[in-house]
Amino acid sequence: MPSDPRDPDEPTTQPLGPVGRREDHQVPEPPFDKPSTVVRLFGSDDFFRLWLAQVVSAMGDWIGFLAIIAIATRVGGDSPAAAISLVMSARMVPGFFLAPIAGVLVDRWDRKKVMVSCDLLRGGVLLTLPFIDHVWTLVLASLVLEVGTLLWSPAKEASVPNLVPTTHLATANSLSLVAAYGTFPIATLLFAFLAKVATWLSDIDSLDFLKIDQELIAVYLDVLTFCLSAVLISTLTLANRRTAPRREQVRFDFGSTFRELREGWRFMFINPTVRAVMVGIGTGLMGGGMVVPLGDLFSRRVLGGGSAGFGVLLTGLGFGMAGGVLLVTTVQKRIPKARVFCWAVIVAGITLIGGAAMETLAAAVFFVAVLGVCAGAVYVLGFTILHETVADELRGRIFSALYTLVRFCLLLSFAVGPLLAETLGRLSERFFDGRADLLGVDIELPGVRLALWLAGIVILAAGVLAVTSLRVGERRELADA
């Protein structure tokens, strides 16, 4: 760490290369003289422990999420829906304002201590939930939980390249995806099982004073998961970063904070590779996110499959994502990641347009499954490219910006999708009588189909923009060479 004082206006990072990658903190390749199964799959024992912590923490997050909805329904009185909406807003909205600052702090502080502290903070807040009887206190608790998550997530992502070699980054991101979302169905089953456990315990007279119910057991189980996650993370070996600020620089200063924030966002817009990933993921999610609120409507009005058909579509999407993750993990060493990322976004837009044009459930499921393959590839490749491209001292800010972008695009697509379908449906009835002759085929044009087509076009545009940004970067690198 440099000992000479620096100009406060000087950037906090050292000069970066063509793609911003610093060669420090690289993890050596795993030994090839009979490495353990854990090392072969996870890249290192440390990342294996981090992954276990993420699995445990994600499981607790999902259980806690369901428990908070149940508590909001209980304390909401005559307006449970309004209470749930208010509590969910407290989990979503703060990220737009606090996430950028969280990224700066993560790049300043010891990331292991940040993750352990956030786990303990969230566990402590959860301990208070069974005693909450008012909506405003539940909103306040949800806000604190979200602040902990806003710090934990970028700290975890920024630490991954310091725990696994470059050859294992795609595998690490695939495993992280499994930990984050593969635990949801397990958590829902476990939450349902807790209701049975609560019923059994409530029949024990000696435990009546505890007022045991499903919420109480779920919350305290969630507390245990956060404590276990904190213990696992505390055992990690994370090297001290050479660019970490000196002790006297750690105090919070708004001027330096905003300079560092500006530096991170400037790098995100200037670096062509990072810009391509941000455009591909962000804009692609803006279109792809509409599938969630419109999928059930499309199954009912177009495919005639009802809610069961929507379940089949989601199943196809899930299996497709699993296939995409597995495929990318298998071939990631032999493919140009940035190019494949861009083309995966483009193919995702094409398959969404094709799936929305289908009239039968089987045909639509095929296109949705291919869409899932592309979505899984985009997630794994996008995160892997950022891990390989962004220097260690900038990772917290970049991943924090990515999470902010994802939140905004998803929230926008969830809110706009149904309104867009309704508006396009009215326009279709007014100008085309709800039908049109496309390429010699008479096809219905309900609003939900038009909205999904528009979503596919948005994803296509995202892919084209990502390809353009990538080519600009390649030309710049050739000019520098």
Protein backbone atom coordinates (compact mmCIF):
# COMPACT_ATOMS: atom_id res chain seq x y z
CA MET A 1 0.00 0.00 0.00
CA PRO A 2 1.52 3.36 -0.95
CA SER A 3 2.62 5.50 1.95
CA ASP A 4 2.87 8.86 0.23
CA PRO A 5 -0.09 11.24 0.60
CA ARG A 6 -2.23 11.61 -2.48
CA ASP A 7 -4.14 14.48 -3.92
CA PRO A 8 -7.77 14.16 -2.75
CA ASP A 9 -8.91 14.76 -6.31
CA GLU A 10 -6.73 11.96 -7.63
CA PRO A 11 -8.60 8.77 -8.67
CA THR A 12 -8.53 6.02 -6.07
CA THR A 13 -7.33 3.45 -8.59
CA GLN A 14 -4.15 2.96 -10.50
CA PRO A 15 -4.18 3.24 -14.29
CA LEU A 16 -6.14 0.45 -15.88
CA GLY A 17 -5.37 -1.46 -19.03
CA PRO A 18 -7.48 -1.66 -22.20
CA VAL A 19 -10.22 -3.58 -20.38
CA GLY A 20 -9.53 -2.35 -16.86
CA ARG A 21 -8.07 -5.62 -15.63
CA ARG A 22 -5.35 -5.50 -13.01
CA GLU A 23 -3.03 -8.44 -12.67
CA ASP A 24 -2.96 -8.40 -8.85
CA HIS A 25 -4.94 -10.74 -6.65
CA GLN A 26 -5.08 -13.47 -9.24
CA VAL A 27 -5.74 -16.87 -7.77
CA PRO A 28 -3.34 -19.54 -9.05
CA GLU A 29 -4.71 -22.38 -11.09
CA PRO A 30 -5.67 -25.43 -9.01
CA PRO A 31 -2.93 -28.07 -8.80
CA PHE A 32 -3.23 -30.91 -11.27
CA ASP A 33 -1.63 -33.56 -9.08
CA LYS A 34 -4.85 -35.23 -7.97
CA PRO A 35 -6.81 -32.17 -6.83
CA SER A 36 -9.77 -32.87 -4.57
CA THR A 37 -13.30 -33.02 -5.97
CA VAL A 38 -14.08 -29.73 -4.24
CA VAL A 39 -11.10 -27.98 -5.84
CA ARG A 40 -11.90 -29.39 -9.30
CA LEU A 41 -15.52 -28.21 -9.14
CA PHE A 42 -15.35 -25.01 -7.08
CA GLY A 43 -11.79 -23.88 -7.82
CA SER A 44 -10.81 -23.55 -4.16
CA ASP A 45 -11.86 -24.58 -0.67
CA ASP A 46 -12.50 -20.94 0.21
CA PHE A 47 -15.02 -20.48 -2.58
CA PHE A 48 -16.69 -23.73 -1.56
CA ARG A 49 -17.28 -22.27 1.90
CA LEU A 50 -18.51 -19.00 0.38
CA TRP A 51 -20.89 -20.97 -1.84
CA LEU A 52 -22.20 -22.93 1.15
CA ALA A 53 -22.75 -19.62 2.95
CA GLN A 54 -24.66 -18.33 -0.08
CA VAL A 55 -26.82 -21.47 -0.21
CA VAL A 56 -27.66 -21.21 3.48
CA SER A 57 -28.23 -17.45 3.27
CA ALA A 58 -30.39 -17.71 0.12
CA MET A 59 -32.48 -20.45 1.71
CA GLY A 60 -33.02 -18.22 4.71
CA ASP A 61 -33.79 -15.22 2.48
CA TRP A 62 -36.57 -17.08 0.68
CA ILE A 63 -38.04 -18.46 3.91
CA GLY A 64 -37.84 -14.99 5.46
CA PHE A 65 -39.44 -13.48 2.36
CA LEU A 66 -42.43 -15.81 2.70
CA ALA A 67 -42.63 -15.19 6.44
CA ILE A 68 -42.59 -11.41 5.97
CA ILE A 69 -45.47 -11.67 3.49
CA ALA A 70 -47.39 -13.72 6.06
CA ILE A 71 -46.63 -11.16 8.80
CA ALA A 72 -47.68 -8.29 6.50
CA THR A 73 -50.97 -10.08 5.87
CA ARG A 74 -51.49 -10.44 9.63
CA VAL A 75 -50.67 -6.85 10.60
CA GLY A 76 -52.35 -5.35 7.53
CA GLY A 77 -55.80 -5.65 9.07
CA ASP A 78 -58.50 -4.82 6.54
CA SER A 79 -55.94 -3.97 3.82
CA PRO A 80 -53.47 -6.88 3.68
CA ALA A 81 -52.72 -6.27 -0.01
CA ALA A 82 -51.76 -2.67 0.68
CA ALA A 83 -49.53 -3.79 3.57
CA ILE A 84 -47.76 -6.35 1.38
CA SER A 85 -47.25 -3.76 -1.36
CA LEU A 86 -45.82 -1.25 1.11
CA VAL A 87 -43.44 -3.80 2.62
CA MET A 88 -42.26 -5.00 -0.79
CA SER A 89 -41.67 -1.38 -1.83
CA ALA A 90 -39.44 -0.99 1.22
CA ARG A 91 -37.37 -3.91 -0.13
CA MET A 92 -37.16 -2.55 -3.70
CA VAL A 93 -37.06 1.25 -3.68
CA PRO A 94 -34.04 1.87 -1.36
CA GLY A 95 -31.78 0.03 -3.77
CA PHE A 96 -32.14 2.80 -6.36
CA PHE A 97 -30.72 5.38 -3.96
CA LEU A 98 -28.45 3.44 -1.61
CA ALA A 99 -26.86 0.83 -3.89
CA PRO A 100 -24.35 3.22 -5.54
CA ILE A 101 -23.11 4.42 -2.14
CA ALA A 102 -23.00 0.81 -0.94
CA GLY A 103 -20.69 -0.02 -3.85
CA VAL A 104 -18.26 2.74 -2.82
CA LEU A 105 -18.24 1.52 0.78
CA VAL A 106 -17.68 -2.09 -0.28
CA ASP A 107 -14.63 -0.99 -2.28
CA ARG A 108 -13.29 0.84 0.80
CA TRP A 109 -13.98 -1.62 3.59
CA ASP A 110 -12.81 -5.15 4.38
CA ARG A 111 -15.25 -7.24 2.36
CA LYS A 112 -15.19 -10.25 4.67
CA LYS A 113 -16.08 -8.06 7.64
CA VAL A 114 -18.83 -6.42 5.58
CA MET A 115 -20.44 -9.79 4.76
CA VAL A 116 -20.17 -11.10 8.33
CA SER A 117 -21.56 -7.86 9.78
CA CYS A 118 -24.45 -7.80 7.30
CA ASP A 119 -25.37 -11.41 8.11
CA LEU A 120 -25.40 -10.63 11.84
CA LEU A 121 -27.35 -7.40 11.24
CA ARG A 122 -30.04 -9.18 9.22
CA GLY A 123 -30.24 -11.98 11.79
CA GLY A 124 -30.69 -9.42 14.57
CA VAL A 125 -33.47 -7.62 12.71
CA LEU A 126 -35.26 -10.90 12.04
CA LEU A 127 -35.31 -11.64 15.78
CA THR A 128 -37.70 -8.70 16.21
CA LEU A 129 -40.22 -9.71 13.53
CA PRO A 130 -42.43 -12.00 15.69
CA PHE A 131 -43.04 -9.04 18.03
CA ILE A 132 -44.12 -6.61 15.28
CA ASP A 133 -47.78 -5.57 15.32
CA HIS A 134 -47.76 -2.51 13.05
CA VAL A 135 -47.15 -2.08 9.35
CA TRP A 136 -44.73 0.83 9.78
CA THR A 137 -42.42 -1.19 12.04
CA LEU A 138 -42.44 -4.05 9.50
CA VAL A 139 -41.57 -1.54 6.77
CA LEU A 140 -38.69 -0.22 8.89
CA ALA A 141 -37.40 -3.76 9.50
CA SER A 142 -37.64 -4.54 5.78
CA LEU A 143 -35.68 -1.39 5.01
CA VAL A 144 -32.83 -2.40 7.35
CA LEU A 145 -32.81 -5.91 5.89
CA GLU A 146 -32.50 -4.44 2.42
CA VAL A 147 -29.58 -2.23 3.45
CA GLY A 148 -27.77 -5.33 4.69
CA THR A 149 -28.44 -7.11 1.39
CA LEU A 150 -27.27 -4.08 -0.62
CA LEU A 151 -23.88 -4.31 1.08
CA TRP A 152 -23.60 -8.12 1.20
CA SER A 153 -24.28 -8.84 -2.48
CA PRO A 154 -21.62 -6.60 -4.13
CA ALA A 155 -19.11 -7.59 -1.43
CA LYS A 156 -19.67 -11.24 -2.31
CA GLU A 157 -19.45 -10.68 -6.07
CA ALA A 158 -16.32 -8.54 -5.73
CA SER A 159 -14.65 -11.28 -3.66
CA VAL A 160 -15.25 -14.16 -6.07
CA PRO A 161 -12.29 -13.44 -8.44
CA ASN A 162 -10.01 -13.36 -5.38
CA LEU A 163 -11.10 -16.87 -4.37
CA VAL A 164 -11.15 -18.82 -7.66
CA PRO A 165 -8.82 -18.92 -10.70
CA THR A 166 -9.94 -17.36 -13.95
CA THR A 167 -10.66 -20.76 -15.50
CA HIS A 168 -13.28 -21.44 -12.83
CA LEU A 169 -15.13 -18.08 -12.93
CA ALA A 170 -17.91 -19.31 -15.23
CA THR A 171 -18.40 -22.38 -13.05
CA ALA A 172 -18.43 -20.17 -9.95
CA ASN A 173 -21.14 -17.95 -11.43
CA SER A 174 -23.19 -20.99 -12.44
CA LEU A 175 -22.99 -22.32 -8.90
CA SER A 176 -23.95 -18.89 -7.54
CA LEU A 177 -27.02 -18.88 -9.78
CA VAL A 178 -28.00 -22.30 -8.45
CA ALA A 179 -27.53 -21.09 -4.87
CA ALA A 180 -29.55 -17.90 -5.40
CA TYR A 181 -32.57 -19.31 -7.27
CA GLY A 182 -32.36 -23.09 -7.01
CA THR A 183 -33.10 -22.83 -3.30
CA PHE A 184 -36.50 -21.16 -3.85
CA PRO A 185 -38.57 -24.33 -4.45
CA ILE A 186 -36.82 -26.01 -1.52
CA ALA A 187 -37.61 -23.00 0.67
CA THR A 188 -41.30 -23.03 -0.32
CA LEU A 189 -41.58 -26.73 0.55
CA LEU A 190 -39.77 -26.14 3.83
CA PHE A 191 -42.04 -23.20 4.66
CA ALA A 192 -45.10 -25.40 4.07
CA PHE A 193 -43.55 -28.10 6.27
CA LEU A 194 -43.02 -25.55 9.04
CA ALA A 195 -46.77 -25.09 9.23
CA LYS A 196 -47.09 -28.78 10.13
CA VAL A 197 -44.31 -28.43 12.70
CA ALA A 198 -46.03 -25.39 14.22
CA THR A 199 -49.30 -27.31 14.49
CA TRP A 200 -47.54 -30.20 16.21
CA LEU A 201 -45.70 -27.94 18.68
CA SER A 202 -48.82 -25.92 19.47
CA ASP A 203 -50.46 -29.10 20.77
CA ILE A 204 -47.82 -29.32 23.51
CA ASP A 205 -49.35 -27.55 26.52
CA SER A 206 -46.00 -26.72 28.12
CA LEU A 207 -45.09 -24.55 25.07
CA ASP A 208 -48.24 -22.42 25.04
CA PHE A 209 -46.40 -19.40 26.46
CA LEU A 210 -44.22 -19.25 23.32
CA LYS A 211 -47.23 -18.69 21.03
CA ILE A 212 -45.63 -20.89 18.40
CA ASP A 213 -46.84 -20.49 14.83
CA GLN A 214 -45.45 -20.88 11.29
CA GLU A 215 -44.14 -17.33 11.21
CA LEU A 216 -42.20 -17.70 14.46
CA ILE A 217 -40.48 -20.93 13.42
CA ALA A 218 -39.69 -19.59 9.94
CA VAL A 219 -38.18 -16.39 11.30
CA TYR A 220 -35.96 -18.12 13.85
CA LEU A 221 -34.85 -20.68 11.29
CA ASP A 222 -33.91 -17.73 9.08
CA VAL A 223 -31.88 -16.25 11.96
CA LEU A 224 -29.96 -19.51 12.26
CA THR A 225 -29.17 -19.51 8.53
CA PHE A 226 -27.67 -16.01 8.74
CA CYS A 227 -25.59 -16.97 11.78
CA LEU A 228 -24.29 -20.07 9.98
CA SER A 229 -23.50 -17.98 6.91
CA ALA A 230 -21.54 -15.51 9.08
CA VAL A 231 -19.54 -18.36 10.62
CA LEU A 232 -18.69 -19.83 7.20
CA ILE A 233 -17.64 -16.47 5.76
CA SER A 234 -15.48 -15.69 8.81
CA THR A 235 -13.30 -18.70 7.90
CA LEU A 236 -12.47 -17.36 4.42
CA THR A 237 -8.96 -16.22 3.51
CA LEU A 238 -9.26 -12.94 1.59
CA ALA A 239 -5.97 -11.21 0.79
CA ASN A 240 -5.62 -7.59 1.83
CA ARG A 241 -6.08 -5.36 -1.18
CA ARG A 242 -3.12 -3.14 -1.98
CA THR A 243 -5.41 -0.31 -3.05
CA ALA A 244 -7.39 -0.23 0.18
CA PRO A 245 -7.36 3.26 1.73
CA ARG A 246 -5.28 4.00 4.80
CA ARG A 247 -6.97 4.06 8.19
CA GLU A 248 -7.20 7.85 8.22
CA GLN A 249 -8.91 7.77 4.82
CA VAL A 250 -11.65 5.36 5.91
CA ARG A 251 -13.74 8.03 7.62
CA PHE A 252 -16.82 8.92 5.61
CA ASP A 253 -16.27 11.96 3.44
CA PHE A 254 -18.96 13.00 0.99
CA GLY A 255 -16.50 14.61 -1.41
CA SER A 256 -14.28 11.55 -1.82
CA THR A 257 -17.33 9.27 -1.78
CA PHE A 258 -18.88 10.98 -4.76
CA ARG A 259 -15.54 11.11 -6.55
CA GLU A 260 -15.22 7.35 -6.18
CA LEU A 261 -18.83 6.90 -7.23
CA ARG A 262 -18.25 9.02 -10.32
CA GLU A 263 -15.10 7.06 -11.09
CA GLY A 264 -16.99 3.75 -11.02
CA TRP A 265 -19.85 4.97 -13.22
CA ARG A 266 -17.38 6.65 -15.60
CA PHE A 267 -15.50 3.37 -16.03
CA MET A 268 -18.79 1.55 -16.62
CA PHE A 269 -19.72 3.89 -19.48
CA ILE A 270 -16.23 4.22 -20.98
CA ASN A 271 -15.11 0.59 -20.98
CA PRO A 272 -16.72 -1.03 -24.07
CA THR A 273 -16.83 -4.57 -22.66
CA VAL A 274 -18.42 -3.55 -19.37
CA ARG A 275 -20.82 -1.27 -21.24
CA ALA A 276 -21.85 -4.14 -23.51
CA VAL A 277 -22.61 -6.36 -20.51
CA MET A 278 -24.58 -3.64 -18.74
CA VAL A 279 -26.62 -2.86 -21.86
CA GLY A 280 -27.22 -6.52 -22.60
CA ILE A 281 -28.34 -7.46 -19.10
CA GLY A 282 -30.20 -4.25 -18.23
CA THR A 283 -32.10 -3.59 -21.44
CA GLY A 284 -32.60 -7.31 -22.01
CA LEU A 285 -34.22 -7.62 -18.59
CA MET A 286 -36.49 -4.70 -19.39
CA GLY A 287 -37.96 -6.78 -22.21
CA GLY A 288 -37.59 -10.23 -20.70
CA GLY A 289 -39.10 -9.14 -17.39
CA MET A 290 -42.45 -8.65 -19.11
CA VAL A 291 -42.70 -12.42 -19.53
CA VAL A 292 -43.46 -12.80 -15.81
CA PRO A 293 -46.56 -10.58 -15.52
CA LEU A 294 -47.79 -11.42 -19.06
CA GLY A 295 -47.08 -15.16 -19.16
CA ASP A 296 -50.25 -16.21 -17.35
CA LEU A 297 -52.35 -13.87 -19.48
CA PHE A 298 -50.79 -15.23 -22.67
CA SER A 299 -51.47 -18.81 -21.58
CA ARG A 300 -55.11 -18.03 -20.86
CA ARG A 301 -56.06 -15.81 -23.81
CA VAL A 302 -53.86 -17.12 -26.61
CA LEU A 303 -52.82 -20.70 -25.84
CA GLY A 304 -55.94 -21.75 -23.93
CA GLY A 305 -53.78 -23.44 -21.32
CA GLY A 306 -54.95 -21.51 -18.26
CA SER A 307 -52.84 -21.41 -15.10
CA ALA A 308 -51.66 -24.97 -15.74
CA GLY A 309 -50.28 -23.88 -19.11
CA PHE A 310 -48.48 -21.00 -17.43
CA GLY A 311 -46.91 -23.50 -15.05
CA VAL A 312 -45.73 -25.58 -18.03
CA LEU A 313 -44.21 -22.47 -19.61
CA LEU A 314 -42.36 -21.64 -16.40
CA THR A 315 -41.13 -25.23 -16.18
CA GLY A 316 -39.78 -25.02 -19.74
CA LEU A 317 -38.10 -21.72 -18.90
CA GLY A 318 -36.52 -23.20 -15.77
CA PHE A 319 -35.20 -26.30 -17.52
CA GLY A 320 -33.92 -24.13 -20.35
CA MET A 321 -32.02 -21.88 -17.93
CA ALA A 322 -30.51 -24.93 -16.24
CA GLY A 323 -29.43 -26.24 -19.66
CA GLY A 324 -27.92 -22.88 -20.61
CA VAL A 325 -25.98 -22.67 -17.36
CA LEU A 326 -24.68 -26.22 -17.78
CA LEU A 327 -23.77 -25.65 -21.44
CA VAL A 328 -21.82 -22.46 -20.78
CA THR A 329 -20.07 -23.99 -17.80
CA THR A 330 -18.96 -26.92 -19.97
CA VAL A 331 -17.66 -24.97 -22.97
CA GLN A 332 -16.67 -21.63 -21.40
CA LYS A 333 -12.94 -22.27 -21.86
CA ARG A 334 -13.35 -22.68 -25.62
CA ILE A 335 -15.66 -19.79 -26.53
CA PRO A 336 -15.20 -16.03 -26.92
CA LYS A 337 -17.31 -15.03 -23.92
CA ALA A 338 -18.15 -11.46 -24.94
CA ARG A 339 -19.31 -12.44 -28.45
CA VAL A 340 -21.35 -15.40 -27.23
CA PHE A 341 -22.92 -13.14 -24.59
CA CYS A 342 -24.08 -10.66 -27.24
CA TRP A 343 -25.45 -13.36 -29.54
CA ALA A 344 -27.25 -15.03 -26.64
CA VAL A 345 -29.08 -11.75 -26.02
CA ILE A 346 -30.02 -11.49 -29.71
CA VAL A 347 -31.26 -15.09 -29.90
CA ALA A 348 -33.27 -14.52 -26.71
CA GLY A 349 -35.12 -11.68 -28.42
CA ILE A 350 -35.78 -13.79 -31.52
CA THR A 351 -37.12 -16.73 -29.51
CA LEU A 352 -39.42 -14.48 -27.47
CA ILE A 353 -40.88 -13.05 -30.67
CA GLY A 354 -41.27 -16.57 -32.08
CA GLY A 355 -42.83 -17.94 -28.90
CA ALA A 356 -45.37 -15.10 -28.75
CA ALA A 357 -46.40 -15.92 -32.35
CA MET A 358 -47.27 -19.53 -31.50
CA GLU A 359 -50.85 -20.78 -31.16
CA THR A 360 -50.19 -24.07 -29.34
CA LEU A 361 -48.76 -24.70 -25.90
CA ALA A 362 -46.20 -27.27 -27.08
CA ALA A 363 -44.70 -24.91 -29.67
CA ALA A 364 -44.62 -22.03 -27.20
CA VAL A 365 -42.87 -24.20 -24.59
CA PHE A 366 -40.14 -25.04 -27.11
CA PHE A 367 -39.40 -21.36 -27.78
CA VAL A 368 -39.58 -20.50 -24.08
CA ALA A 369 -37.09 -23.29 -23.30
CA VAL A 370 -34.65 -21.85 -25.86
CA LEU A 371 -35.24 -18.44 -24.29
CA GLY A 372 -34.27 -20.00 -20.95
CA VAL A 373 -31.07 -21.42 -22.43
CA CYS A 374 -30.11 -17.94 -23.65
CA ALA A 375 -31.07 -16.33 -20.33
CA GLY A 376 -28.90 -18.77 -18.38
CA ALA A 377 -25.99 -18.16 -20.73
CA VAL A 378 -26.40 -14.38 -20.49
CA TYR A 379 -26.36 -14.47 -16.68
CA VAL A 380 -23.30 -16.68 -16.34
CA LEU A 381 -21.30 -15.05 -19.14
CA GLY A 382 -22.23 -11.51 -18.07
CA PHE A 383 -21.06 -11.98 -14.49
CA THR A 384 -17.97 -13.89 -15.64
CA ILE A 385 -16.98 -11.11 -18.06
CA LEU A 386 -17.32 -8.50 -15.31
CA HIS A 387 -15.25 -10.64 -12.91
CA GLU A 388 -12.51 -10.98 -15.53
CA THR A 389 -12.66 -7.40 -16.78
CA VAL A 390 -13.12 -5.15 -13.77
CA ALA A 391 -10.19 -4.36 -11.52
CA ASP A 392 -10.46 -5.39 -7.87
CA GLU A 393 -10.72 -1.85 -6.52
CA LEU A 394 -13.72 -1.10 -8.78
CA ARG A 395 -15.71 -4.33 -8.50
CA GLY A 396 -17.91 -3.25 -5.60
CA ARG A 397 -19.11 -0.16 -7.46
CA ILE A 398 -19.63 -1.99 -10.76
CA PHE A 399 -21.65 -4.84 -9.27
CA SER A 400 -23.62 -2.42 -7.14
CA ALA A 401 -24.46 -0.48 -10.30
CA LEU A 402 -25.45 -3.74 -12.01
CA TYR A 403 -27.83 -4.68 -9.19
CA THR A 404 -29.35 -1.19 -9.31
CA LEU A 405 -29.85 -1.49 -13.06
CA VAL A 406 -31.42 -4.94 -12.69
CA ARG A 407 -33.84 -3.68 -10.02
CA PHE A 408 -34.88 -0.69 -12.08
CA CYS A 409 -35.40 -2.64 -15.30
CA LEU A 410 -37.37 -5.43 -13.62
CA LEU A 411 -39.56 -3.02 -11.67
CA LEU A 412 -40.20 -1.02 -14.83
CA SER A 413 -41.10 -4.12 -16.85
CA PHE A 414 -43.40 -5.47 -14.11
CA ALA A 415 -45.20 -2.13 -13.90
CA VAL A 416 -45.33 -1.31 -17.62
CA GLY A 417 -46.00 -4.80 -19.03
CA PRO A 418 -49.69 -5.18 -18.06
CA LEU A 419 -50.49 -1.55 -18.92
CA LEU A 420 -48.74 -1.91 -22.26
CA ALA A 421 -50.69 -5.08 -23.08
CA GLU A 422 -53.98 -3.37 -22.28
CA THR A 423 -53.14 -0.28 -24.35
CA LEU A 424 -51.93 -2.29 -27.36
CA GLY A 425 -55.04 -4.48 -27.12
CA ARG A 426 -57.28 -1.42 -27.47
CA LEU A 427 -55.26 -0.12 -30.40
CA SER A 428 -55.39 -3.54 -32.08
CA GLU A 429 -59.18 -3.69 -31.77
CA ARG A 430 -59.55 -0.15 -33.04
CA PHE A 431 -57.28 -0.32 -36.08
CA PHE A 432 -57.11 -4.04 -37.00
CA ASP A 433 -60.23 -5.54 -35.39
CA GLY A 434 -57.89 -7.69 -33.34
CA ARG A 435 -56.59 -9.66 -36.34
CA ALA A 436 -54.11 -9.26 -39.18
CA ASP A 437 -52.73 -11.11 -42.20
CA LEU A 438 -49.00 -11.62 -41.60
CA LEU A 439 -47.07 -13.37 -44.38
CA GLY A 440 -50.26 -14.94 -45.66
CA VAL A 441 -51.30 -16.24 -42.24
CA ASP A 442 -54.36 -14.90 -40.45
CA ILE A 443 -53.29 -14.31 -36.84
CA GLU A 444 -54.97 -12.83 -33.80
CA LEU A 445 -53.39 -9.70 -32.36
CA PRO A 446 -54.39 -9.48 -28.68
CA GLY A 447 -52.60 -6.91 -26.60
CA VAL A 448 -50.58 -9.51 -24.69
CA ARG A 449 -49.08 -10.89 -27.91
CA LEU A 450 -48.18 -7.42 -29.16
CA ALA A 451 -46.60 -6.55 -25.81
CA LEU A 452 -44.47 -9.72 -25.87
CA TRP A 453 -43.42 -8.96 -29.44
CA LEU A 454 -42.40 -5.47 -28.33
CA ALA A 455 -40.47 -7.03 -25.43
CA GLY A 456 -38.64 -9.28 -27.91
CA ILE A 457 -37.76 -6.26 -30.05
CA VAL A 458 -36.37 -4.51 -26.95
CA ILE A 459 -34.16 -7.54 -26.22
CA LEU A 460 -33.01 -7.62 -29.86
CA ALA A 461 -32.10 -3.94 -29.64
CA ALA A 462 -30.15 -4.66 -26.45
CA GLY A 463 -28.18 -7.37 -28.26
CA VAL A 464 -27.41 -5.11 -31.20
CA LEU A 465 -26.25 -2.32 -28.87
CA ALA A 466 -24.04 -4.78 -27.00
CA VAL A 467 -22.48 -6.01 -30.26
CA THR A 468 -21.88 -2.42 -31.34
CA SER A 469 -20.21 -1.54 -28.04
CA LEU A 470 -18.03 -4.64 -28.24
CA ARG A 471 -16.88 -3.79 -31.78
CA VAL A 472 -16.01 -0.25 -30.70
CA GLY A 473 -13.82 -1.72 -27.99
CA GLU A 474 -12.12 -4.10 -30.41
CA ARG A 475 -11.35 -1.27 -32.84
CA ARG A 476 -9.97 0.80 -29.98
CA GLU A 477 -7.71 -2.04 -28.84
CA LEU A 478 -6.43 -2.50 -32.42
CA ALA A 479 -5.73 1.23 -32.67
CA ASP A 480 -3.84 1.16 -29.35
CA ALA A 481 -1.84 -1.84 -30.53
